[in-house]
Amino acid sequence: MQLPIVAPAPIVTAHAAIFRDLFENRCQFQHFQNYLTGLIVLDNKSLANITRCVLESADKTNLSRFFSDAPWFQDRVNERRVSAPADASGPQSKSGCAPDS
């Protein structure tokens, strides 16, 4: 049984703020956070399954419409992701791996 997504995962909440200005409104940003949360916490990472598991949306087509119709810029999101400082996503070495403890 899949658990519902009732809020963005804490790691998403902690690190997604660097992308906020790339979305036109709060709803778009919430869809982005819900999608990231689904990719992290769900075994079945399909868009259909993530949509089913998001409880806050009465209209299950919202996430799909976000990807297909909403005016957001995936290229800018990816550029920001690639250029984000290492400390924005946690301690990492130059290889991209977390350091040994």
Protein backbone atom coordinates (compact mmCIF):
# COMPACT_ATOMS: atom_id res chain seq x y z
CA MET A 1 0.00 0.00 0.00
CA GLN A 2 1.28 3.44 -0.94
CA LEU A 3 1.38 6.05 1.77
CA PRO A 4 -0.19 9.40 0.91
CA ILE A 5 1.92 12.49 0.34
CA VAL A 6 0.45 15.02 2.78
CA ALA A 7 3.33 17.53 2.64
CA PRO A 8 6.68 17.87 0.92
CA ALA A 9 9.42 15.70 2.39
CA PRO A 10 11.55 17.63 4.90
CA ILE A 11 14.59 17.40 2.63
CA VAL A 12 12.56 18.90 -0.22
CA THR A 13 11.31 21.72 2.01
CA ALA A 14 14.85 22.42 3.20
CA HIS A 15 16.39 22.66 -0.26
CA ALA A 16 13.68 23.62 -2.75
CA ALA A 17 13.63 27.30 -1.80
CA ILE A 18 16.50 28.03 -4.22
CA PHE A 19 14.06 27.24 -7.05
CA ARG A 20 11.08 29.30 -5.81
CA ASP A 21 11.69 32.32 -8.06
CA LEU A 22 11.57 30.08 -11.14
CA PHE A 23 7.84 29.46 -10.72
CA GLU A 24 5.09 31.97 -11.41
CA ASN A 25 2.97 31.15 -8.37
CA ARG A 26 2.71 29.18 -5.14
CA CYS A 27 0.67 26.38 -6.74
CA GLN A 28 3.34 25.67 -9.37
CA PHE A 29 6.00 25.56 -6.67
CA GLN A 30 3.86 23.15 -4.61
CA HIS A 31 3.46 20.84 -7.61
CA PHE A 32 7.24 20.91 -8.04
CA GLN A 33 7.76 20.04 -4.36
CA ASN A 34 5.15 17.25 -4.49
CA TYR A 35 6.79 15.77 -7.57
CA LEU A 36 10.23 15.79 -5.93
CA THR A 37 8.76 14.23 -2.80
CA GLY A 38 7.15 11.47 -4.85
CA LEU A 39 10.44 10.73 -6.58
CA ILE A 40 12.15 10.42 -3.20
CA VAL A 41 9.62 8.52 -1.09
CA LEU A 42 7.57 6.34 -3.44
CA ASP A 43 8.63 2.99 -4.86
CA ASN A 44 6.54 3.55 -8.00
CA LYS A 45 7.83 6.88 -9.29
CA SER A 46 5.41 7.25 -12.19
CA LEU A 47 3.57 10.52 -12.56
CA ALA A 48 0.25 8.66 -12.30
CA ASN A 49 1.24 7.13 -8.98
CA ILE A 50 2.65 10.36 -7.55
CA THR A 51 -0.62 12.08 -8.52
CA ARG A 52 -2.66 9.38 -6.78
CA CYS A 53 -0.62 9.77 -3.59
CA VAL A 54 -0.83 13.58 -3.30
CA LEU A 55 -3.73 14.27 -0.95
CA GLU A 56 -3.90 18.06 -1.11
CA SER A 57 -5.18 18.12 -4.67
CA ALA A 58 -8.83 17.33 -5.35
CA ASP A 59 -8.15 17.49 -9.10
CA LYS A 60 -5.74 14.67 -9.91
CA THR A 61 -4.84 16.26 -13.25
CA ASN A 62 -3.12 19.24 -11.61
CA LEU A 63 0.34 17.68 -11.54
CA SER A 64 0.04 16.46 -15.11
CA ARG A 65 -1.09 19.91 -16.28
CA PHE A 66 1.81 21.45 -14.37
CA PHE A 67 4.25 19.49 -16.53
CA SER A 68 2.41 19.84 -19.83
CA ASP A 69 0.79 23.29 -19.73
CA ALA A 70 2.15 25.49 -16.95
CA PRO A 71 4.57 28.24 -17.98
CA TRP A 72 7.62 27.12 -16.02
CA PHE A 73 11.11 26.71 -17.39
CA GLN A 74 12.64 23.28 -16.87
CA ASP A 75 15.92 24.42 -18.45
CA ARG A 76 16.27 27.15 -15.82
CA VAL A 77 15.43 24.69 -13.04
CA ASN A 78 18.13 22.33 -14.30
CA GLU A 79 20.68 25.15 -14.64
CA ARG A 80 19.95 26.21 -11.06
CA ARG A 81 20.23 22.60 -9.88
CA VAL A 82 23.62 22.17 -11.55
CA SER A 83 24.98 25.50 -10.35
CA ALA A 84 23.65 25.30 -6.78
CA PRO A 85 26.40 25.48 -4.17
CA ALA A 86 27.32 22.16 -2.61
CA ASP A 87 26.25 23.37 0.83
CA ALA A 88 22.71 23.89 -0.48
CA SER A 89 22.28 20.15 -0.88
CA GLY A 90 24.38 18.90 2.01
CA PRO A 91 28.05 18.06 2.45
CA GLN A 92 29.58 16.56 -0.66
CA SER A 93 33.04 16.03 -2.00
CA LYS A 94 34.01 17.09 -5.52
CA SER A 95 33.05 13.59 -6.69
CA GLY A 96 29.46 14.29 -5.61
CA CYS A 97 29.58 11.69 -2.85
CA ALA A 98 28.92 12.42 0.79
CA PRO A 99 32.11 12.31 2.87
CA ASP A 100 32.78 9.30 5.08
CA SER A 101 31.92 9.80 8.75
